[in-house]
Amino acid sequence: MTVLRRLRGDRGFLAGAVVALLMVLVAVAAPLLAAAAGQDYTTYHDNLLDSARGGVPLGRFGGLGAEHWLGVEPATGRDLFARVVYGARVSLGVAVGATLLQVLFGVLVGTAAGLGGRWADAALTRVVDLVLAVPSLVLAISLLAIVPTDWPRPLLLAAVIAILGWGGTARITRGETLSLRTRDYVAAARLSGAGRFRIARREIAPGLAAPVLTYAALLLPTNMISEAGLSFLGVGVRPPTPSWGQMLSTATTWFRADPMYVLVPGGLLFLTLLAFVLVANGLRRALDPRQSEVLR
């Protein structure tokens, strides 16, 4: 109840939570929103493009109007609103999936290292150090470039980002586990005959909830940036499936002729990232107010 009271009094957290929830609802309801606009993200509208100018949308603000709420895409004429809402589904879906996998891998390895013996801790810590030392962007580009194109790219993106990024969660979990294992209630459970699995589940896991939840909230916007960057570089989601990073990659050749094509996905990506950062900071302040005072 104390945590909820702190969150309700945190204006930054509330503002971020409202925007983040709105973006999640947009992603979930993408088919309904596109149907309400009477559009989809695959139909070409060549009649809305100015062929004399290389395919720039006719009209002002990228062809914005009653039929196309955010205008149309240059060169193809596809409805920009439909592509944006479906792109939110892909970008957020990849970020959430990667975050869940990172937390799962990191908590399992970190807890095993913290509760294991000296040799297990040393071995798992070296594995974590190796994961953290790998140049993740270069390796992700290499992996995604050699995978067959018929594989589901959003799932593949989430898996690659998670496999290359779980080391930070494991390190935090290990440190917290080493601290928690010295507590009296853990020693009492060990003396009563409880095994390591039972201690991890009943005694250690509740103490890991706050730091892991806070770190996961920070991982989510980081993973959104990773997905956007990989799609921007051309190794992420493939057309016609839209994502905000892919749209920004295409928009680099049109930002002078059609600024709307850059501003819409770029603005939404920035707003969503800012919202999740505010949520993460609010959770950190609510779950660990003493540390927040030190950081201030």
C-alpha atoms as a PDB file:
ATOM      1  CA  MET A   1       0.000   0.000   0.000  1.00  0.00           C
ATOM      2  CA  THR A   2       2.915   2.356   0.721  1.00  0.00           C
ATOM      3  CA  VAL A   3       4.292   1.780  -2.780  1.00  0.00           C
ATOM      4  CA  LEU A   4       0.905   2.465  -4.374  1.00  0.00           C
ATOM      5  CA  ARG A   5       0.549   5.671  -2.364  1.00  0.00           C
ATOM      6  CA  ARG A   6       3.957   6.863  -3.540  1.00  0.00           C
ATOM      7  CA  LEU A   7       3.111   6.027  -7.154  1.00  0.00           C
ATOM      8  CA  ARG A   8      -0.207   7.892  -6.971  1.00  0.00           C
ATOM      9  CA  GLY A   9       1.638  10.971  -5.733  1.00  0.00           C
ATOM     10  CA  ASP A  10       4.300  10.837  -8.449  1.00  0.00           C
ATOM     11  CA  ARG A  11       3.153  13.032 -11.338  1.00  0.00           C
ATOM     12  CA  GLY A  12       5.957  11.898 -13.611  1.00  0.00           C
ATOM     13  CA  PHE A  13       5.052   8.262 -13.115  1.00  0.00           C
ATOM     14  CA  LEU A  14       1.337   8.928 -13.668  1.00  0.00           C
ATOM     15  CA  ALA A  15       1.976  10.877 -16.877  1.00  0.00           C
ATOM     16  CA  GLY A  16       4.288   8.166 -18.181  1.00  0.00           C
ATOM     17  CA  ALA A  17       1.885   5.399 -17.193  1.00  0.00           C
ATOM     18  CA  VAL A  18      -1.027   7.063 -19.015  1.00  0.00           C
ATOM     19  CA  VAL A  19       0.968   7.487 -22.229  1.00  0.00           C
ATOM     20  CA  ALA A  20       2.466   3.975 -22.001  1.00  0.00           C
ATOM     21  CA  LEU A  21      -0.965   2.440 -21.400  1.00  0.00           C
ATOM     22  CA  LEU A  22      -2.380   4.395 -24.341  1.00  0.00           C
ATOM     23  CA  MET A  23       0.374   3.097 -26.630  1.00  0.00           C
ATOM     24  CA  VAL A  24      -0.217  -0.470 -25.459  1.00  0.00           C
ATOM     25  CA  LEU A  25      -3.943  -0.111 -26.150  1.00  0.00           C
ATOM     26  CA  VAL A  26      -3.164   1.269 -29.622  1.00  0.00           C
ATOM     27  CA  ALA A  27      -0.930  -1.735 -30.315  1.00  0.00           C
ATOM     28  CA  VAL A  28      -3.518  -4.253 -29.083  1.00  0.00           C
ATOM     29  CA  ALA A  29      -6.394  -2.576 -30.921  1.00  0.00           C
ATOM     30  CA  ALA A  30      -4.471  -1.932 -34.158  1.00  0.00           C
ATOM     31  CA  PRO A  31      -6.872  -3.949 -36.391  1.00  0.00           C
ATOM     32  CA  LEU A  32      -9.900  -2.183 -34.900  1.00  0.00           C
ATOM     33  CA  LEU A  33      -8.331   1.269 -35.274  1.00  0.00           C
ATOM     34  CA  ALA A  34      -7.318   0.616 -38.871  1.00  0.00           C
ATOM     35  CA  ALA A  35     -10.814  -0.680 -39.646  1.00  0.00           C
ATOM     36  CA  ALA A  36     -12.351   2.409 -38.034  1.00  0.00           C
ATOM     37  CA  ALA A  37     -10.240   4.544 -40.374  1.00  0.00           C
ATOM     38  CA  GLY A  38     -11.367   2.395 -43.297  1.00  0.00           C
ATOM     39  CA  GLN A  39      -7.783   1.532 -44.254  1.00  0.00           C
ATOM     40  CA  ASP A  40      -5.165  -1.193 -44.007  1.00  0.00           C
ATOM     41  CA  TYR A  41      -1.385  -1.112 -44.094  1.00  0.00           C
ATOM     42  CA  THR A  42      -0.866  -2.999 -47.385  1.00  0.00           C
ATOM     43  CA  THR A  43      -3.130  -1.235 -49.924  1.00  0.00           C
ATOM     44  CA  TYR A  44      -1.358   1.043 -52.391  1.00  0.00           C
ATOM     45  CA  HIS A  45      -2.954   4.348 -53.412  1.00  0.00           C
ATOM     46  CA  ASP A  46      -1.015   5.470 -56.470  1.00  0.00           C
ATOM     47  CA  ASN A  47      -3.652   8.072 -57.297  1.00  0.00           C
ATOM     48  CA  LEU A  48      -2.668  10.027 -54.163  1.00  0.00           C
ATOM     49  CA  LEU A  49       0.950  10.477 -55.269  1.00  0.00           C
ATOM     50  CA  ASP A  50       2.554  13.119 -57.429  1.00  0.00           C
ATOM     51  CA  SER A  51       4.437  11.133 -60.066  1.00  0.00           C
ATOM     52  CA  ALA A  52       6.103  14.283 -61.374  1.00  0.00           C
ATOM     53  CA  ARG A  53       7.836  14.730 -57.997  1.00  0.00           C
ATOM     54  CA  GLY A  54       8.922  11.115 -57.601  1.00  0.00           C
ATOM     55  CA  GLY A  55       5.974   9.853 -55.568  1.00  0.00           C
ATOM     56  CA  VAL A  56       5.493  12.627 -53.000  1.00  0.00           C
ATOM     57  CA  PRO A  57       1.933  12.582 -51.547  1.00  0.00           C
ATOM     58  CA  LEU A  58      -0.491  15.061 -53.041  1.00  0.00           C
ATOM     59  CA  GLY A  59      -1.833  17.779 -50.763  1.00  0.00           C
ATOM     60  CA  ARG A  60      -0.454  19.343 -47.626  1.00  0.00           C
ATOM     61  CA  PHE A  61       1.082  17.479 -44.658  1.00  0.00           C
ATOM     62  CA  GLY A  62       1.665  14.276 -46.584  1.00  0.00           C
ATOM     63  CA  GLY A  63      -1.861  13.990 -47.923  1.00  0.00           C
ATOM     64  CA  LEU A  64      -3.535  14.307 -44.529  1.00  0.00           C
ATOM     65  CA  GLY A  65      -7.332  14.369 -44.796  1.00  0.00           C
ATOM     66  CA  ALA A  66     -10.636  12.808 -43.787  1.00  0.00           C
ATOM     67  CA  GLU A  67      -9.853   9.469 -45.477  1.00  0.00           C
ATOM     68  CA  HIS A  68      -6.197   9.302 -44.457  1.00  0.00           C
ATOM     69  CA  TRP A  69      -5.915  10.673 -40.929  1.00  0.00           C
ATOM     70  CA  LEU A  70      -2.114  10.968 -40.960  1.00  0.00           C
ATOM     71  CA  GLY A  71      -1.609  11.121 -44.708  1.00  0.00           C
ATOM     72  CA  VAL A  72      -0.070   8.456 -46.909  1.00  0.00           C
ATOM     73  CA  GLU A  73       3.357   6.954 -47.327  1.00  0.00           C
ATOM     74  CA  PRO A  74       5.570   8.400 -50.080  1.00  0.00           C
ATOM     75  CA  ALA A  75       6.279   6.207 -53.127  1.00  0.00           C
ATOM     76  CA  THR A  76       3.589   3.653 -52.172  1.00  0.00           C
ATOM     77  CA  GLY A  77       0.571   5.646 -51.029  1.00  0.00           C
ATOM     78  CA  ARG A  78      -0.133   3.236 -48.161  1.00  0.00           C
ATOM     79  CA  ASP A  79      -2.145   4.718 -45.306  1.00  0.00           C
ATOM     80  CA  LEU A  80       0.226   6.114 -42.705  1.00  0.00           C
ATOM     81  CA  PHE A  81      -2.200   5.826 -39.776  1.00  0.00           C
ATOM     82  CA  ALA A  82      -2.714   2.099 -40.383  1.00  0.00           C
ATOM     83  CA  ARG A  83       1.026   1.522 -40.685  1.00  0.00           C
ATOM     84  CA  VAL A  84       1.724   3.488 -37.505  1.00  0.00           C
ATOM     85  CA  VAL A  85      -0.764   1.557 -35.351  1.00  0.00           C
ATOM     86  CA  TYR A  86       0.400  -1.799 -36.717  1.00  0.00           C
ATOM     87  CA  GLY A  87       3.990  -0.617 -36.279  1.00  0.00           C
ATOM     88  CA  ALA A  88       3.233   0.041 -32.606  1.00  0.00           C
ATOM     89  CA  ARG A  89       2.156  -3.592 -32.286  1.00  0.00           C
ATOM     90  CA  VAL A  90       5.438  -4.836 -33.748  1.00  0.00           C
ATOM     91  CA  SER A  91       7.734  -2.415 -31.902  1.00  0.00           C
ATOM     92  CA  LEU A  92       6.094  -2.888 -28.503  1.00  0.00           C
ATOM     93  CA  GLY A  93       5.618  -6.626 -29.031  1.00  0.00           C
ATOM     94  CA  VAL A  94       9.297  -7.169 -29.786  1.00  0.00           C
ATOM     95  CA  ALA A  95      10.350  -5.011 -26.823  1.00  0.00           C
ATOM     96  CA  VAL A  96       8.011  -6.753 -24.364  1.00  0.00           C
ATOM     97  CA  GLY A  97       8.951 -10.233 -25.606  1.00  0.00           C
ATOM     98  CA  ALA A  98      12.672  -9.505 -25.404  1.00  0.00           C
ATOM     99  CA  THR A  99      12.296  -7.999 -21.922  1.00  0.00           C
ATOM    100  CA  LEU A 100      10.413 -11.027 -20.592  1.00  0.00           C
ATOM    101  CA  LEU A 101      13.053 -13.405 -21.969  1.00  0.00           C
ATOM    102  CA  GLN A 102      15.889 -11.272 -20.586  1.00  0.00           C
ATOM    103  CA  VAL A 103      14.325 -11.203 -17.138  1.00  0.00           C
ATOM    104  CA  LEU A 104      13.682 -14.957 -17.218  1.00  0.00           C
ATOM    105  CA  PHE A 105      17.232 -15.878 -18.301  1.00  0.00           C
ATOM    106  CA  GLY A 106      18.861 -13.284 -16.060  1.00  0.00           C
ATOM    107  CA  VAL A 107      16.935 -14.194 -12.905  1.00  0.00           C
ATOM    108  CA  LEU A 108      17.537 -17.930 -13.371  1.00  0.00           C
ATOM    109  CA  VAL A 109      21.272 -17.568 -14.004  1.00  0.00           C
ATOM    110  CA  GLY A 110      21.780 -14.843 -11.390  1.00  0.00           C
ATOM    111  CA  THR A 111      19.935 -16.752  -8.688  1.00  0.00           C
ATOM    112  CA  ALA A 112      21.805 -19.971  -9.519  1.00  0.00           C
ATOM    113  CA  ALA A 113      25.119 -18.120  -9.306  1.00  0.00           C
ATOM    114  CA  GLY A 114      24.227 -16.422  -6.027  1.00  0.00           C
ATOM    115  CA  LEU A 115      23.005 -19.591  -4.318  1.00  0.00           C
ATOM    116  CA  GLY A 116      25.437 -22.020  -5.923  1.00  0.00           C
ATOM    117  CA  GLY A 117      28.788 -23.020  -4.596  1.00  0.00           C
ATOM    118  CA  ARG A 118      32.053 -21.273  -5.326  1.00  0.00           C
ATOM    119  CA  TRP A 119      32.692 -23.164  -8.549  1.00  0.00           C
ATOM    120  CA  ALA A 120      29.149 -22.688  -9.873  1.00  0.00           C
ATOM    121  CA  ASP A 121      29.271 -18.988  -9.044  1.00  0.00           C
ATOM    122  CA  ALA A 122      32.645 -18.561 -10.765  1.00  0.00           C
ATOM    123  CA  ALA A 123      31.547 -20.438 -13.894  1.00  0.00           C
ATOM    124  CA  LEU A 124      28.231 -18.631 -14.272  1.00  0.00           C
ATOM    125  CA  THR A 125      29.832 -15.256 -13.559  1.00  0.00           C
ATOM    126  CA  ARG A 126      32.329 -15.848 -16.384  1.00  0.00           C
ATOM    127  CA  VAL A 127      29.437 -16.666 -18.717  1.00  0.00           C
ATOM    128  CA  VAL A 128      27.692 -13.434 -17.730  1.00  0.00           C
ATOM    129  CA  ASP A 129      30.918 -11.463 -18.259  1.00  0.00           C
ATOM    130  CA  LEU A 130      31.241 -13.028 -21.712  1.00  0.00           C
ATOM    131  CA  VAL A 131      27.678 -12.041 -22.632  1.00  0.00           C
ATOM    132  CA  LEU A 132      28.275  -8.485 -21.455  1.00  0.00           C
ATOM    133  CA  ALA A 133      31.557  -8.262 -23.374  1.00  0.00           C
ATOM    134  CA  VAL A 134      30.094  -9.372 -26.715  1.00  0.00           C
ATOM    135  CA  PRO A 135      29.524  -6.511 -29.219  1.00  0.00           C
ATOM    136  CA  SER A 136      25.789  -7.084 -29.291  1.00  0.00           C
ATOM    137  CA  LEU A 137      24.921  -4.786 -32.203  1.00  0.00           C
ATOM    138  CA  VAL A 138      27.476  -6.337 -34.556  1.00  0.00           C
ATOM    139  CA  LEU A 139      26.509  -9.877 -33.559  1.00  0.00           C
ATOM    140  CA  ALA A 140      22.784  -9.115 -33.843  1.00  0.00           C
ATOM    141  CA  ILE A 141      23.256  -7.731 -37.363  1.00  0.00           C
ATOM    142  CA  SER A 142      25.281 -10.810 -38.323  1.00  0.00           C
ATOM    143  CA  LEU A 143      22.728 -13.256 -36.921  1.00  0.00           C
ATOM    144  CA  LEU A 144      19.723 -11.518 -38.450  1.00  0.00           C
ATOM    145  CA  ALA A 145      21.430 -11.181 -41.821  1.00  0.00           C
ATOM    146  CA  ILE A 146      22.037 -14.934 -42.251  1.00  0.00           C
ATOM    147  CA  VAL A 147      18.649 -16.156 -41.003  1.00  0.00           C
ATOM    148  CA  PRO A 148      16.215 -17.220 -43.786  1.00  0.00           C
ATOM    149  CA  THR A 149      13.737 -14.514 -44.706  1.00  0.00           C
ATOM    150  CA  ASP A 150      10.721 -16.786 -44.203  1.00  0.00           C
ATOM    151  CA  TRP A 151      11.309 -16.974 -40.434  1.00  0.00           C
ATOM    152  CA  PRO A 152       8.962 -14.785 -38.348  1.00  0.00           C
ATOM    153  CA  ARG A 153      11.046 -11.637 -37.927  1.00  0.00           C
ATOM    154  CA  PRO A 154       9.354 -10.156 -34.822  1.00  0.00           C
ATOM    155  CA  LEU A 155       9.880 -13.376 -32.850  1.00  0.00           C
ATOM    156  CA  LEU A 156      13.415 -13.656 -34.152  1.00  0.00           C
ATOM    157  CA  LEU A 157      14.173 -10.061 -33.193  1.00  0.00           C
ATOM    158  CA  ALA A 158      12.882 -10.586 -29.663  1.00  0.00           C
ATOM    159  CA  ALA A 159      14.951 -13.772 -29.278  1.00  0.00           C
ATOM    160  CA  VAL A 160      18.185 -12.200 -30.580  1.00  0.00           C
ATOM    161  CA  ILE A 161      17.825  -9.078 -28.428  1.00  0.00           C
ATOM    162  CA  ALA A 162      17.111 -11.240 -25.363  1.00  0.00           C
ATOM    163  CA  ILE A 163      19.975 -13.687 -25.939  1.00  0.00           C
ATOM    164  CA  LEU A 164      22.452 -10.847 -26.322  1.00  0.00           C
ATOM    165  CA  GLY A 165      21.089  -8.701 -23.497  1.00  0.00           C
ATOM    166  CA  TRP A 166      20.282 -10.822 -20.445  1.00  0.00           C
ATOM    167  CA  GLY A 167      23.690 -10.358 -18.817  1.00  0.00           C
ATOM    168  CA  GLY A 168      22.781  -7.140 -17.007  1.00  0.00           C
ATOM    169  CA  THR A 169      19.751  -8.742 -15.366  1.00  0.00           C
ATOM    170  CA  ALA A 170      21.851 -11.727 -14.296  1.00  0.00           C
ATOM    171  CA  ARG A 171      24.510  -9.513 -12.723  1.00  0.00           C
ATOM    172  CA  ILE A 172      21.955  -7.487 -10.750  1.00  0.00           C
ATOM    173  CA  THR A 173      20.149 -10.657  -9.648  1.00  0.00           C
ATOM    174  CA  ARG A 174      23.391 -12.296  -8.530  1.00  0.00           C
ATOM    175  CA  GLY A 175      24.375  -9.275  -6.448  1.00  0.00           C
ATOM    176  CA  GLU A 176      20.967  -9.078  -4.781  1.00  0.00           C
ATOM    177  CA  THR A 177      20.959 -12.829  -4.151  1.00  0.00           C
ATOM    178  CA  LEU A 178      24.394 -12.696  -2.491  1.00  0.00           C
ATOM    179  CA  SER A 179      23.052  -9.950  -0.225  1.00  0.00           C
ATOM    180  CA  LEU A 180      19.787 -11.718   0.578  1.00  0.00           C
ATOM    181  CA  ARG A 181      21.413 -15.069   1.365  1.00  0.00           C
ATOM    182  CA  THR A 182      23.061 -13.519   4.432  1.00  0.00           C
ATOM    183  CA  ARG A 183      19.726 -12.552   5.989  1.00  0.00           C
ATOM    184  CA  ASP A 184      18.587 -14.311   9.151  1.00  0.00           C
ATOM    185  CA  TYR A 185      15.397 -15.723   7.634  1.00  0.00           C
ATOM    186  CA  VAL A 186      17.406 -17.396   4.854  1.00  0.00           C
ATOM    187  CA  ALA A 187      19.779 -18.910   7.435  1.00  0.00           C
ATOM    188  CA  ALA A 188      16.777 -20.128   9.414  1.00  0.00           C
ATOM    189  CA  ALA A 189      15.285 -21.756   6.331  1.00  0.00           C
ATOM    190  CA  ARG A 190      18.610 -23.447   5.586  1.00  0.00           C
ATOM    191  CA  LEU A 191      18.861 -24.769   9.165  1.00  0.00           C
ATOM    192  CA  SER A 192      15.332 -26.137   8.940  1.00  0.00           C
ATOM    193  CA  GLY A 193      16.428 -28.356   6.060  1.00  0.00           C
ATOM    194  CA  ALA A 194      15.070 -26.379   3.120  1.00  0.00           C
ATOM    195  CA  GLY A 195      16.796 -27.057  -0.190  1.00  0.00           C
ATOM    196  CA  ARG A 196      18.254 -24.446  -2.502  1.00  0.00           C
ATOM    197  CA  PHE A 197      15.251 -24.493  -4.829  1.00  0.00           C
ATOM    198  CA  ARG A 198      12.842 -23.901  -1.956  1.00  0.00           C
ATOM    199  CA  ILE A 199      15.025 -21.125  -0.534  1.00  0.00           C
ATOM    200  CA  ALA A 200      15.217 -19.477  -3.949  1.00  0.00           C
ATOM    201  CA  ARG A 201      11.461 -19.679  -4.455  1.00  0.00           C
ATOM    202  CA  ARG A 202      10.240 -18.718  -0.981  1.00  0.00           C
ATOM    203  CA  GLU A 203      12.973 -16.606   0.551  1.00  0.00           C
ATOM    204  CA  ILE A 204      15.012 -15.051  -2.262  1.00  0.00           C
ATOM    205  CA  ALA A 205      12.399 -14.419  -4.973  1.00  0.00           C
ATOM    206  CA  PRO A 206      10.293 -11.915  -2.964  1.00  0.00           C
ATOM    207  CA  GLY A 207      13.392  -9.843  -2.228  1.00  0.00           C
ATOM    208  CA  LEU A 208      14.332  -9.798  -5.925  1.00  0.00           C
ATOM    209  CA  ALA A 209      10.957  -8.445  -7.053  1.00  0.00           C
ATOM    210  CA  ALA A 210      11.688  -4.736  -6.517  1.00  0.00           C
ATOM    211  CA  PRO A 211      15.137  -4.445  -8.195  1.00  0.00           C
ATOM    212  CA  VAL A 212      14.234  -6.796 -11.048  1.00  0.00           C
ATOM    213  CA  LEU A 213      10.934  -5.022 -11.735  1.00  0.00           C
ATOM    214  CA  THR A 214      12.666  -1.642 -11.791  1.00  0.00           C
ATOM    215  CA  TYR A 215      15.405  -2.901 -14.109  1.00  0.00           C
ATOM    216  CA  ALA A 216      12.836  -4.550 -16.404  1.00  0.00           C
ATOM    217  CA  ALA A 217      11.008  -1.240 -16.725  1.00  0.00           C
ATOM    218  CA  LEU A 218      14.282   0.317 -17.903  1.00  0.00           C
ATOM    219  CA  LEU A 219      14.990  -2.589 -20.258  1.00  0.00           C
ATOM    220  CA  LEU A 220      11.728  -2.092 -22.145  1.00  0.00           C
ATOM    221  CA  PRO A 221      12.605   1.288 -23.730  1.00  0.00           C
ATOM    222  CA  THR A 222      16.151   0.053 -24.344  1.00  0.00           C
ATOM    223  CA  ASN A 223      14.782  -2.917 -26.277  1.00  0.00           C
ATOM    224  CA  MET A 224      12.483  -0.623 -28.253  1.00  0.00           C
ATOM    225  CA  ILE A 225      15.563   1.347 -29.305  1.00  0.00           C
ATOM    226  CA  SER A 226      17.329  -1.900 -30.247  1.00  0.00           C
ATOM    227  CA  GLU A 227      14.406  -3.032 -32.407  1.00  0.00           C
ATOM    228  CA  ALA A 228      14.137   0.385 -34.034  1.00  0.00           C
ATOM    229  CA  GLY A 229      17.877   0.473 -34.697  1.00  0.00           C
ATOM    230  CA  LEU A 230      17.981  -3.012 -36.232  1.00  0.00           C
ATOM    231  CA  SER A 231      14.950  -2.281 -38.403  1.00  0.00           C
ATOM    232  CA  PHE A 232      16.495   1.064 -39.360  1.00  0.00           C
ATOM    233  CA  LEU A 233      19.618  -0.793 -40.514  1.00  0.00           C
ATOM    234  CA  GLY A 234      17.509  -3.135 -42.649  1.00  0.00           C
ATOM    235  CA  VAL A 235      17.989  -6.388 -40.698  1.00  0.00           C
ATOM    236  CA  GLY A 236      14.848  -6.165 -38.571  1.00  0.00           C
ATOM    237  CA  VAL A 237      11.238  -6.424 -39.631  1.00  0.00           C
ATOM    238  CA  ARG A 238      10.825  -6.837 -43.388  1.00  0.00           C
ATOM    239  CA  PRO A 239       8.193  -5.082 -45.552  1.00  0.00           C
ATOM    240  CA  PRO A 240       5.245  -5.118 -45.797  1.00  0.00           C
ATOM    241  CA  THR A 241       5.149  -5.686 -42.015  1.00  0.00           C
ATOM    242  CA  PRO A 242       5.575  -2.213 -40.503  1.00  0.00           C
ATOM    243  CA  SER A 243       7.563  -1.089 -37.487  1.00  0.00           C
ATOM    244  CA  TRP A 244       8.512   2.403 -36.373  1.00  0.00           C
ATOM    245  CA  GLY A 245      12.216   1.781 -36.957  1.00  0.00           C
ATOM    246  CA  GLN A 246      11.595   0.462 -40.454  1.00  0.00           C
ATOM    247  CA  MET A 247       9.425   3.481 -41.270  1.00  0.00           C
ATOM    248  CA  LEU A 248      12.157   5.837 -40.063  1.00  0.00           C
ATOM    249  CA  SER A 249      14.671   3.997 -42.244  1.00  0.00           C
ATOM    250  CA  THR A 250      12.511   4.571 -45.320  1.00  0.00           C
ATOM    251  CA  ALA A 251      11.790   8.155 -44.278  1.00  0.00           C
ATOM    252  CA  THR A 252      15.453   9.163 -44.456  1.00  0.00           C
ATOM    253  CA  THR A 253      15.108   9.647 -48.216  1.00  0.00           C
ATOM    254  CA  TRP A 254      11.864  11.629 -47.913  1.00  0.00           C
ATOM    255  CA  PHE A 255      12.375  13.957 -44.936  1.00  0.00           C
ATOM    256  CA  ARG A 256      12.716  17.048 -47.141  1.00  0.00           C
ATOM    257  CA  ALA A 257       9.809  16.312 -49.464  1.00  0.00           C
ATOM    258  CA  ASP A 258       7.454  14.873 -46.811  1.00  0.00           C
ATOM    259  CA  PRO A 259       8.399  15.792 -43.203  1.00  0.00           C
ATOM    260  CA  MET A 260       5.232  14.118 -41.851  1.00  0.00           C
ATOM    261  CA  TYR A 261       6.630  10.713 -42.755  1.00  0.00           C
ATOM    262  CA  VAL A 262       9.525  11.367 -40.367  1.00  0.00           C
ATOM    263  CA  LEU A 263       7.698  13.255 -37.632  1.00  0.00           C
ATOM    264  CA  VAL A 264       4.867  10.775 -37.070  1.00  0.00           C
ATOM    265  CA  PRO A 265       6.816   7.542 -36.358  1.00  0.00           C
ATOM    266  CA  GLY A 266       9.766   9.442 -34.869  1.00  0.00           C
ATOM    267  CA  GLY A 267       7.541  11.464 -32.551  1.00  0.00           C
ATOM    268  CA  LEU A 268       5.605   8.412 -31.394  1.00  0.00           C
ATOM    269  CA  LEU A 269       8.807   6.474 -30.757  1.00  0.00           C
ATOM    270  CA  PHE A 270      10.241   9.360 -28.701  1.00  0.00           C
ATOM    271  CA  LEU A 271       7.001   9.792 -26.741  1.00  0.00           C
ATOM    272  CA  THR A 272       6.746   6.081 -25.963  1.00  0.00           C
ATOM    273  CA  LEU A 273      10.365   5.830 -24.858  1.00  0.00           C
ATOM    274  CA  LEU A 274       9.975   8.872 -22.619  1.00  0.00           C
ATOM    275  CA  ALA A 275       6.814   7.401 -21.088  1.00  0.00           C
ATOM    276  CA  PHE A 276       8.482   4.117 -20.175  1.00  0.00           C
ATOM    277  CA  VAL A 277      11.525   5.914 -18.755  1.00  0.00           C
ATOM    278  CA  LEU A 278       9.202   7.973 -16.525  1.00  0.00           C
ATOM    279  CA  VAL A 279       7.457   4.777 -15.413  1.00  0.00           C
ATOM    280  CA  ALA A 280      10.795   3.120 -14.610  1.00  0.00           C
ATOM    281  CA  ASN A 281      12.025   6.136 -12.623  1.00  0.00           C
ATOM    282  CA  GLY A 282       8.730   6.282 -10.724  1.00  0.00           C
ATOM    283  CA  LEU A 283       8.980   2.606  -9.830  1.00  0.00           C
ATOM    284  CA  ARG A 284      12.551   3.085  -8.642  1.00  0.00           C
ATOM    285  CA  ARG A 285      11.563   5.995  -6.409  1.00  0.00           C
ATOM    286  CA  ALA A 286       8.569   4.134  -4.995  1.00  0.00           C
ATOM    287  CA  LEU A 287      10.285   0.812  -4.383  1.00  0.00           C
ATOM    288  CA  ASP A 288      13.554   2.205  -3.023  1.00  0.00           C
ATOM    289  CA  PRO A 289      12.991   5.759  -1.704  1.00  0.00           C
ATOM    290  CA  ARG A 290      16.278   5.811   0.245  1.00  0.00           C
ATOM    291  CA  GLN A 291      18.323   5.198  -2.906  1.00  0.00           C
ATOM    292  CA  SER A 292      16.303   7.860  -4.746  1.00  0.00           C
ATOM    293  CA  GLU A 293      17.190  10.422  -2.092  1.00  0.00           C
ATOM    294  CA  VAL A 294      20.886   9.544  -2.455  1.00  0.00           C
ATOM    295  CA  LEU A 295      20.690   9.899  -6.255  1.00  0.00           C
ATOM    296  CA  ARG A 296      19.105  13.321  -5.920  1.00  0.00           C
END
